[in-house]
PDB file of all heavy atoms in Angstrom:
ATOM      1  N   THR A   1     -19.172  35.403  29.181  1.00  0.00           N
ATOM      2  CA  THR A   1     -19.095  36.847  29.320  1.00  0.00           C
ATOM      3  C   THR A   1     -18.010  37.414  28.445  1.00  0.00           C
ATOM      4  O   THR A   1     -16.887  36.846  28.338  1.00  0.00           O
ATOM      5  CB  THR A   1     -18.764  37.205  30.792  1.00  0.00           C
ATOM      6  OG1 THR A   1     -19.698  36.669  31.661  1.00  0.00           O
ATOM      7  CG2 THR A   1     -18.758  38.751  30.999  1.00  0.00           C
ATOM      8  N   THR A   2     -18.306  38.535  27.717  1.00  0.00           N
ATOM      9  CA  THR A   2     -17.392  39.136  26.884  1.00  0.00           C
ATOM     10  C   THR A   2     -17.068  40.532  27.398  1.00  0.00           C
ATOM     11  O   THR A   2     -17.995  41.298  27.652  1.00  0.00           O
ATOM     12  CB  THR A   2     -17.866  39.234  25.440  1.00  0.00           C
ATOM     13  OG1 THR A   2     -18.097  37.887  24.919  1.00  0.00           O
ATOM     14  CG2 THR A   2     -16.899  39.933  24.541  1.00  0.00           C
ATOM     15  N   ILE A   3     -15.804  40.876  27.586  1.00  0.00           N
ATOM     16  CA  ILE A   3     -15.372  42.178  28.024  1.00  0.00           C
ATOM     17  C   ILE A   3     -14.838  42.879  26.790  1.00  0.00           C
ATOM     18  O   ILE A   3     -13.892  42.380  26.171  1.00  0.00           O
ATOM     19  CB  ILE A   3     -14.268  42.070  29.150  1.00  0.00           C
ATOM     20  CG1 ILE A   3     -14.851  41.328  30.339  1.00  0.00           C
ATOM     21  CG2 ILE A   3     -13.807  43.464  29.514  1.00  0.00           C
ATOM     22  CD1 ILE A   3     -13.778  40.956  31.380  1.00  0.00           C
ATOM     23  N   SER A   4     -15.383  43.998  26.500  1.00  0.00           N
ATOM     24  CA  SER A   4     -14.998  44.726  25.238  1.00  0.00           C
ATOM     25  C   SER A   4     -13.691  45.477  25.496  1.00  0.00           C
ATOM     26  O   SER A   4     -13.232  45.672  26.613  1.00  0.00           O
ATOM     27  CB  SER A   4     -16.080  45.723  24.845  1.00  0.00           C
ATOM     28  OG  SER A   4     -16.184  46.751  25.809  1.00  0.00           O
ATOM     29  N   GLY A   5     -13.052  45.884  24.396  1.00  0.00           N
ATOM     30  CA  GLY A   5     -11.840  46.655  24.541  1.00  0.00           C
ATOM     31  C   GLY A   5     -12.096  47.970  25.246  1.00  0.00           C
ATOM     32  O   GLY A   5     -11.232  48.492  25.980  1.00  0.00           O
ATOM     33  N   ALA A   6     -13.240  48.617  24.966  1.00  0.00           N
ATOM     34  CA  ALA A   6     -13.538  49.846  25.638  1.00  0.00           C
ATOM     35  C   ALA A   6     -13.640  49.680  27.156  1.00  0.00           C
ATOM     36  O   ALA A   6     -13.129  50.481  27.928  1.00  0.00           O
ATOM     37  CB  ALA A   6     -14.805  50.445  25.112  1.00  0.00           C
ATOM     38  N   ASP A   7     -14.313  48.573  27.621  1.00  0.00           N
ATOM     39  CA  ASP A   7     -14.398  48.339  29.045  1.00  0.00           C
ATOM     40  C   ASP A   7     -13.039  48.046  29.625  1.00  0.00           C
ATOM     41  O   ASP A   7     -12.711  48.408  30.781  1.00  0.00           O
ATOM     42  CB  ASP A   7     -15.370  47.209  29.286  1.00  0.00           C
ATOM     43  CG  ASP A   7     -16.793  47.639  29.058  1.00  0.00           C
ATOM     44  OD1 ASP A   7     -17.096  48.860  29.096  1.00  0.00           O
ATOM     45  OD2 ASP A   7     -17.693  46.759  28.767  1.00  0.00           O
ATOM     46  N   ALA A   8     -12.210  47.306  28.943  1.00  0.00           N
ATOM     47  CA  ALA A   8     -10.924  46.932  29.434  1.00  0.00           C
ATOM     48  C   ALA A   8     -10.023  48.202  29.560  1.00  0.00           C
ATOM     49  O   ALA A   8      -9.287  48.378  30.486  1.00  0.00           O
ATOM     50  CB  ALA A   8     -10.222  45.954  28.455  1.00  0.00           C
ATOM     51  N   ALA A   9     -10.130  49.119  28.592  1.00  0.00           N
ATOM     52  CA  ALA A   9      -9.378  50.352  28.612  1.00  0.00           C
ATOM     53  C   ALA A   9      -9.783  51.260  29.771  1.00  0.00           C
ATOM     54  O   ALA A   9      -8.983  51.937  30.416  1.00  0.00           O
ATOM     55  CB  ALA A   9      -9.569  51.124  27.303  1.00  0.00           C
ATOM     56  N   LYS A  10     -11.087  51.204  30.129  1.00  0.00           N
ATOM     57  CA  LYS A  10     -11.590  51.990  31.282  1.00  0.00           C
ATOM     58  C   LYS A  10     -10.942  51.490  32.543  1.00  0.00           C
ATOM     59  O   LYS A  10     -10.605  52.318  33.488  1.00  0.00           O
ATOM     60  CB  LYS A  10     -13.113  51.840  31.419  1.00  0.00           C
ATOM     61  CG  LYS A  10     -13.874  52.552  30.254  1.00  0.00           C
ATOM     62  CD  LYS A  10     -15.387  52.301  30.531  1.00  0.00           C
ATOM     63  CE  LYS A  10     -16.210  52.892  29.403  1.00  0.00           C
ATOM     64  NZ  LYS A  10     -17.654  52.623  29.575  1.00  0.00           N
ATOM     65  N   ALA A  11     -10.709  50.231  32.672  1.00  0.00           N
ATOM     66  CA  ALA A  11     -10.164  49.615  33.906  1.00  0.00           C
ATOM     67  C   ALA A  11      -8.701  50.108  34.097  1.00  0.00           C
ATOM     68  O   ALA A  11      -8.194  50.031  35.208  1.00  0.00           O
ATOM     69  CB  ALA A  11     -10.165  48.133  33.816  1.00  0.00           C
ATOM     70  N   ASP A  12      -8.044  50.550  33.081  1.00  0.00           N
ATOM     71  CA  ASP A  12      -6.701  51.025  33.190  1.00  0.00           C
ATOM     72  C   ASP A  12      -6.635  52.232  34.158  1.00  0.00           C
ATOM     73  O   ASP A  12      -5.562  52.567  34.621  1.00  0.00           O
ATOM     74  CB  ASP A  12      -6.140  51.416  31.844  1.00  0.00           C
ATOM     75  CG  ASP A  12      -4.652  51.605  31.854  1.00  0.00           C
ATOM     76  OD1 ASP A  12      -3.953  50.775  32.243  1.00  0.00           O
ATOM     77  OD2 ASP A  12      -4.189  52.737  31.412  1.00  0.00           O
ATOM     78  N   LEU A  13      -7.789  52.917  34.398  1.00  0.00           N
ATOM     79  CA  LEU A  13      -7.778  53.998  35.355  1.00  0.00           C
ATOM     80  C   LEU A  13      -7.440  53.627  36.716  1.00  0.00           C
ATOM     81  O   LEU A  13      -6.753  54.341  37.460  1.00  0.00           O
ATOM     82  CB  LEU A  13      -9.176  54.672  35.315  1.00  0.00           C
ATOM     83  CG  LEU A  13      -9.479  55.784  36.247  1.00  0.00           C
ATOM     84  CD1 LEU A  13      -8.608  57.025  35.984  1.00  0.00           C
ATOM     85  CD2 LEU A  13     -10.965  56.217  36.278  1.00  0.00           C
ATOM     86  N   TRP A  14      -7.854  52.360  37.128  1.00  0.00           N
ATOM     87  CA  TRP A  14      -7.629  51.974  38.536  1.00  0.00           C
ATOM     88  C   TRP A  14      -6.733  50.714  38.624  1.00  0.00           C
ATOM     89  O   TRP A  14      -6.451  50.358  39.771  1.00  0.00           O
ATOM     90  CB  TRP A  14      -8.973  51.753  39.150  1.00  0.00           C
ATOM     91  CG  TRP A  14      -9.849  50.763  38.564  1.00  0.00           C
ATOM     92  CD1 TRP A  14      -9.889  49.326  38.684  1.00  0.00           C
ATOM     93  CD2 TRP A  14     -10.862  50.982  37.604  1.00  0.00           C
ATOM     94  NE1 TRP A  14     -10.816  48.762  37.987  1.00  0.00           N
ATOM     95  CE2 TRP A  14     -11.498  49.778  37.221  1.00  0.00           C
ATOM     96  CE3 TRP A  14     -11.422  52.186  37.054  1.00  0.00           C
ATOM     97  CZ2 TRP A  14     -12.569  49.648  36.362  1.00  0.00           C
ATOM     98  CZ3 TRP A  14     -12.453  52.052  36.096  1.00  0.00           C
ATOM     99  CH2 TRP A  14     -13.018  50.782  35.783  1.00  0.00           C
ATOM    100  N   SER A  15      -6.341  50.066  37.545  1.00  0.00           N
ATOM    101  CA  SER A  15      -5.496  48.918  37.734  1.00  0.00           C
ATOM    102  C   SER A  15      -4.681  48.596  36.403  1.00  0.00           C
ATOM    103  O   SER A  15      -5.143  48.855  35.326  1.00  0.00           O
ATOM    104  CB  SER A  15      -6.362  47.663  38.002  1.00  0.00           C
ATOM    105  OG  SER A  15      -5.593  46.462  38.055  1.00  0.00           O
ATOM    106  N   SER A  16      -3.444  48.075  36.638  1.00  0.00           N
ATOM    107  CA  SER A  16      -2.632  47.700  35.494  1.00  0.00           C
ATOM    108  C   SER A  16      -2.613  46.171  35.399  1.00  0.00           C
ATOM    109  O   SER A  16      -1.782  45.622  34.601  1.00  0.00           O
ATOM    110  CB  SER A  16      -1.237  48.233  35.652  1.00  0.00           C
ATOM    111  OG  SER A  16      -1.229  49.648  35.541  1.00  0.00           O
ATOM    112  N   ASP A  17      -3.482  45.480  36.116  1.00  0.00           N
ATOM    113  CA  ASP A  17      -3.460  44.038  36.200  1.00  0.00           C
ATOM    114  C   ASP A  17      -4.707  43.537  35.298  1.00  0.00           C
ATOM    115  O   ASP A  17      -5.859  43.752  35.672  1.00  0.00           O
ATOM    116  CB  ASP A  17      -3.688  43.559  37.647  1.00  0.00           C
ATOM    117  CG  ASP A  17      -3.655  42.068  37.799  1.00  0.00           C
ATOM    118  OD1 ASP A  17      -3.381  41.368  36.805  1.00  0.00           O
ATOM    119  OD2 ASP A  17      -3.872  41.559  38.946  1.00  0.00           O
ATOM    120  N   SER A  18      -4.418  42.851  34.203  1.00  0.00           N
ATOM    121  CA  SER A  18      -5.471  42.430  33.330  1.00  0.00           C
ATOM    122  C   SER A  18      -6.328  41.425  34.012  1.00  0.00           C
ATOM    123  O   SER A  18      -7.498  41.242  33.668  1.00  0.00           O
ATOM    124  CB  SER A  18      -4.907  41.879  32.050  1.00  0.00           C
ATOM    125  OG  SER A  18      -4.313  42.941  31.281  1.00  0.00           O
ATOM    126  N   ALA A  19      -5.806  40.601  34.880  1.00  0.00           N
ATOM    127  CA  ALA A  19      -6.616  39.643  35.607  1.00  0.00           C
ATOM    128  C   ALA A  19      -7.656  40.250  36.433  1.00  0.00           C
ATOM    129  O   ALA A  19      -8.692  39.642  36.750  1.00  0.00           O
ATOM    130  CB  ALA A  19      -5.733  38.694  36.399  1.00  0.00           C
ATOM    131  N   SER A  20      -7.528  41.558  36.842  1.00  0.00           N
ATOM    132  CA  SER A  20      -8.485  42.197  37.646  1.00  0.00           C
ATOM    133  C   SER A  20      -9.821  42.429  36.765  1.00  0.00           C
ATOM    134  O   SER A  20     -10.853  42.665  37.405  1.00  0.00           O
ATOM    135  CB  SER A  20      -7.986  43.591  38.037  1.00  0.00           C
ATOM    136  OG  SER A  20      -7.782  44.456  37.069  1.00  0.00           O
ATOM    137  N   LEU A  21      -9.730  42.382  35.493  1.00  0.00           N
ATOM    138  CA  LEU A  21     -10.926  42.456  34.692  1.00  0.00           C
ATOM    139  C   LEU A  21     -11.929  41.321  34.997  1.00  0.00           C
ATOM    140  O   LEU A  21     -13.185  41.490  34.890  1.00  0.00           O
ATOM    141  CB  LEU A  21     -10.604  42.449  33.220  1.00  0.00           C
ATOM    142  CG  LEU A  21      -9.699  43.582  32.698  1.00  0.00           C
ATOM    143  CD1 LEU A  21      -9.255  43.318  31.261  1.00  0.00           C
ATOM    144  CD2 LEU A  21     -10.493  44.919  32.791  1.00  0.00           C
ATOM    145  N   ILE A  22     -11.365  40.164  35.361  1.00  0.00           N
ATOM    146  CA  ILE A  22     -12.212  38.999  35.654  1.00  0.00           C
ATOM    147  C   ILE A  22     -13.072  39.294  36.898  1.00  0.00           C
ATOM    148  O   ILE A  22     -14.140  38.628  37.077  1.00  0.00           O
ATOM    149  CB  ILE A  22     -11.377  37.722  35.884  1.00  0.00           C
ATOM    150  CG1 ILE A  22     -10.396  37.565  34.730  1.00  0.00           C
ATOM    151  CG2 ILE A  22     -12.177  36.499  36.029  1.00  0.00           C
ATOM    152  CD1 ILE A  22     -11.045  37.230  33.354  1.00  0.00           C
ATOM    153  N   LYS A  23     -12.654  40.168  37.780  1.00  0.00           N
ATOM    154  CA  LYS A  23     -13.438  40.447  38.983  1.00  0.00           C
ATOM    155  C   LYS A  23     -14.810  41.013  38.647  1.00  0.00           C
ATOM    156  O   LYS A  23     -15.718  40.864  39.528  1.00  0.00           O
ATOM    157  CB  LYS A  23     -12.666  41.417  39.833  1.00  0.00           C
ATOM    158  CG  LYS A  23     -11.399  40.947  40.445  1.00  0.00           C
ATOM    159  CD  LYS A  23     -10.780  42.050  41.322  1.00  0.00           C
ATOM    160  CE  LYS A  23      -9.444  41.667  41.919  1.00  0.00           C
ATOM    161  NZ  LYS A  23      -8.840  42.726  42.688  1.00  0.00           N
ATOM    162  N   ASP A  24     -14.991  41.631  37.537  1.00  0.00           N
ATOM    163  CA  ASP A  24     -16.221  42.302  37.204  1.00  0.00           C
ATOM    164  C   ASP A  24     -17.224  41.423  36.506  1.00  0.00           C
ATOM    165  O   ASP A  24     -18.349  41.821  36.191  1.00  0.00           O
ATOM    166  CB  ASP A  24     -15.963  43.514  36.284  1.00  0.00           C
ATOM    167  CG  ASP A  24     -15.153  44.593  37.030  1.00  0.00           C
ATOM    168  OD1 ASP A  24     -15.319  44.685  38.283  1.00  0.00           O
ATOM    169  OD2 ASP A  24     -14.355  45.308  36.357  1.00  0.00           O
ATOM    170  N   ILE A  25     -16.868  40.163  36.186  1.00  0.00           N
ATOM    171  CA  ILE A  25     -17.853  39.284  35.500  1.00  0.00           C
ATOM    172  C   ILE A  25     -18.499  38.476  36.532  1.00  0.00           C
ATOM    173  O   ILE A  25     -18.037  38.252  37.657  1.00  0.00           O
ATOM    174  CB  ILE A  25     -17.129  38.376  34.466  1.00  0.00           C
ATOM    175  CG1 ILE A  25     -16.251  37.288  35.219  1.00  0.00           C
ATOM    176  CG2 ILE A  25     -16.262  39.193  33.560  1.00  0.00           C
ATOM    177  CD1 ILE A  25     -15.785  36.207  34.212  1.00  0.00           C
ATOM    178  N   PRO A  26     -19.710  37.888  36.191  1.00  0.00           N
ATOM    179  CA  PRO A  26     -20.378  37.016  37.191  1.00  0.00           C
ATOM    180  C   PRO A  26     -19.469  35.804  37.561  1.00  0.00           C
ATOM    181  O   PRO A  26     -18.987  35.099  36.722  1.00  0.00           O
ATOM    182  CB  PRO A  26     -21.632  36.560  36.372  1.00  0.00           C
ATOM    183  CG  PRO A  26     -21.853  37.643  35.369  1.00  0.00           C
ATOM    184  CD  PRO A  26     -20.516  38.133  35.021  1.00  0.00           C
ATOM    185  N   GLY A  27     -19.351  35.633  38.869  1.00  0.00           N
ATOM    186  CA  GLY A  27     -18.556  34.534  39.395  1.00  0.00           C
ATOM    187  C   GLY A  27     -17.030  34.694  39.314  1.00  0.00           C
ATOM    188  O   GLY A  27     -16.319  33.771  39.627  1.00  0.00           O
ATOM    189  N   GLY A  28     -16.567  35.914  38.871  1.00  0.00           N
ATOM    190  CA  GLY A  28     -15.199  36.113  38.702  1.00  0.00           C
ATOM    191  C   GLY A  28     -14.472  36.635  39.916  1.00  0.00           C
ATOM    192  O   GLY A  28     -15.034  37.204  40.848  1.00  0.00           O
ATOM    193  N   GLY A  29     -13.169  36.409  39.956  1.00  0.00           N
ATOM    194  CA  GLY A  29     -12.302  36.953  41.058  1.00  0.00           C
ATOM    195  C   GLY A  29     -10.862  36.825  40.698  1.00  0.00           C
ATOM    196  O   GLY A  29     -10.553  36.425  39.534  1.00  0.00           O
ATOM    197  N   ALA A  30      -9.956  37.162  41.543  1.00  0.00           N
ATOM    198  CA  ALA A  30      -8.482  37.016  41.301  1.00  0.00           C
ATOM    199  C   ALA A  30      -7.775  36.734  42.538  1.00  0.00           C
ATOM    200  O   ALA A  30      -8.007  37.406  43.615  1.00  0.00           O
ATOM    201  CB  ALA A  30      -8.021  38.321  40.695  1.00  0.00           C
ATOM    202  N   TRP A  31      -6.920  35.668  42.503  1.00  0.00           N
ATOM    203  CA  TRP A  31      -6.052  35.427  43.645  1.00  0.00           C
ATOM    204  C   TRP A  31      -5.027  36.532  43.733  1.00  0.00           C
ATOM    205  O   TRP A  31      -4.370  36.862  42.757  1.00  0.00           O
ATOM    206  CB  TRP A  31      -5.337  34.071  43.419  1.00  0.00           C
ATOM    207  CG  TRP A  31      -6.238  32.889  43.451  1.00  0.00           C
ATOM    208  CD1 TRP A  31      -7.578  32.871  43.493  1.00  0.00           C
ATOM    209  CD2 TRP A  31      -5.745  31.518  43.552  1.00  0.00           C
ATOM    210  NE1 TRP A  31      -8.047  31.572  43.536  1.00  0.00           N
ATOM    211  CE2 TRP A  31      -6.923  30.691  43.627  1.00  0.00           C
ATOM    212  CE3 TRP A  31      -4.535  30.893  43.545  1.00  0.00           C
ATOM    213  CZ2 TRP A  31      -6.922  29.342  43.640  1.00  0.00           C
ATOM    214  CZ3 TRP A  31      -4.462  29.546  43.575  1.00  0.00           C
ATOM    215  CH2 TRP A  31      -5.652  28.765  43.643  1.00  0.00           C
ATOM    216  N   GLY A  32      -4.750  37.016  44.901  1.00  0.00           N
ATOM    217  CA  GLY A  32      -3.800  38.028  45.125  1.00  0.00           C
ATOM    218  C   GLY A  32      -2.358  37.590  44.799  1.00  0.00           C
ATOM    219  O   GLY A  32      -2.009  36.397  45.118  1.00  0.00           O
ATOM    220  N   ALA A  33      -1.560  38.471  44.220  1.00  0.00           N
ATOM    221  CA  ALA A  33      -0.158  38.160  43.887  1.00  0.00           C
ATOM    222  C   ALA A  33       0.545  39.456  43.745  1.00  0.00           C
ATOM    223  O   ALA A  33       0.271  40.407  44.475  1.00  0.00           O
ATOM    224  CB  ALA A  33      -0.111  37.294  42.595  1.00  0.00           C
ATOM    225  N   GLY A  34       1.414  39.582  42.705  1.00  0.00           N
ATOM    226  CA  GLY A  34       1.944  40.897  42.443  1.00  0.00           C
ATOM    227  C   GLY A  34       1.046  41.850  41.835  1.00  0.00           C
ATOM    228  O   GLY A  34      -0.075  41.484  41.463  1.00  0.00           O
ATOM    229  N   GLY A  35       1.432  43.093  41.702  1.00  0.00           N
ATOM    230  CA  GLY A  35       0.536  44.164  41.225  1.00  0.00           C
ATOM    231  C   GLY A  35       0.046  43.952  39.821  1.00  0.00           C
ATOM    232  O   GLY A  35      -1.054  44.476  39.490  1.00  0.00           O
ATOM    233  N   VAL A  36       0.657  43.163  38.994  1.00  0.00           N
ATOM    234  CA  VAL A  36       0.213  42.951  37.638  1.00  0.00           C
ATOM    235  C   VAL A  36       0.107  41.439  37.334  1.00  0.00           C
ATOM    236  O   VAL A  36       0.042  41.046  36.159  1.00  0.00           O
ATOM    237  CB  VAL A  36       1.114  43.669  36.524  1.00  0.00           C
ATOM    238  CG1 VAL A  36       1.026  45.128  36.666  1.00  0.00           C
ATOM    239  CG2 VAL A  36       2.533  43.147  36.676  1.00  0.00           C
ATOM    240  N   SER A  37       0.145  40.605  38.342  1.00  0.00           N
ATOM    241  CA  SER A  37       0.233  39.175  38.130  1.00  0.00           C
ATOM    242  C   SER A  37      -0.712  38.335  38.953  1.00  0.00           C
ATOM    243  O   SER A  37      -0.384  37.191  39.325  1.00  0.00           O
ATOM    244  CB  SER A  37       1.709  38.712  38.403  1.00  0.00           C
ATOM    245  OG  SER A  37       2.630  39.240  37.515  1.00  0.00           O
TER     246      SER A  37
END
């Protein structure tokens, strides 16, 4: 899966955590931690 820069920039509206981008791909998720980690 490839996440484009435009799609990544859109996510900045609701999150400052880059790992949260993985949640939107097939099979993706993120272990909870700090707000950006």
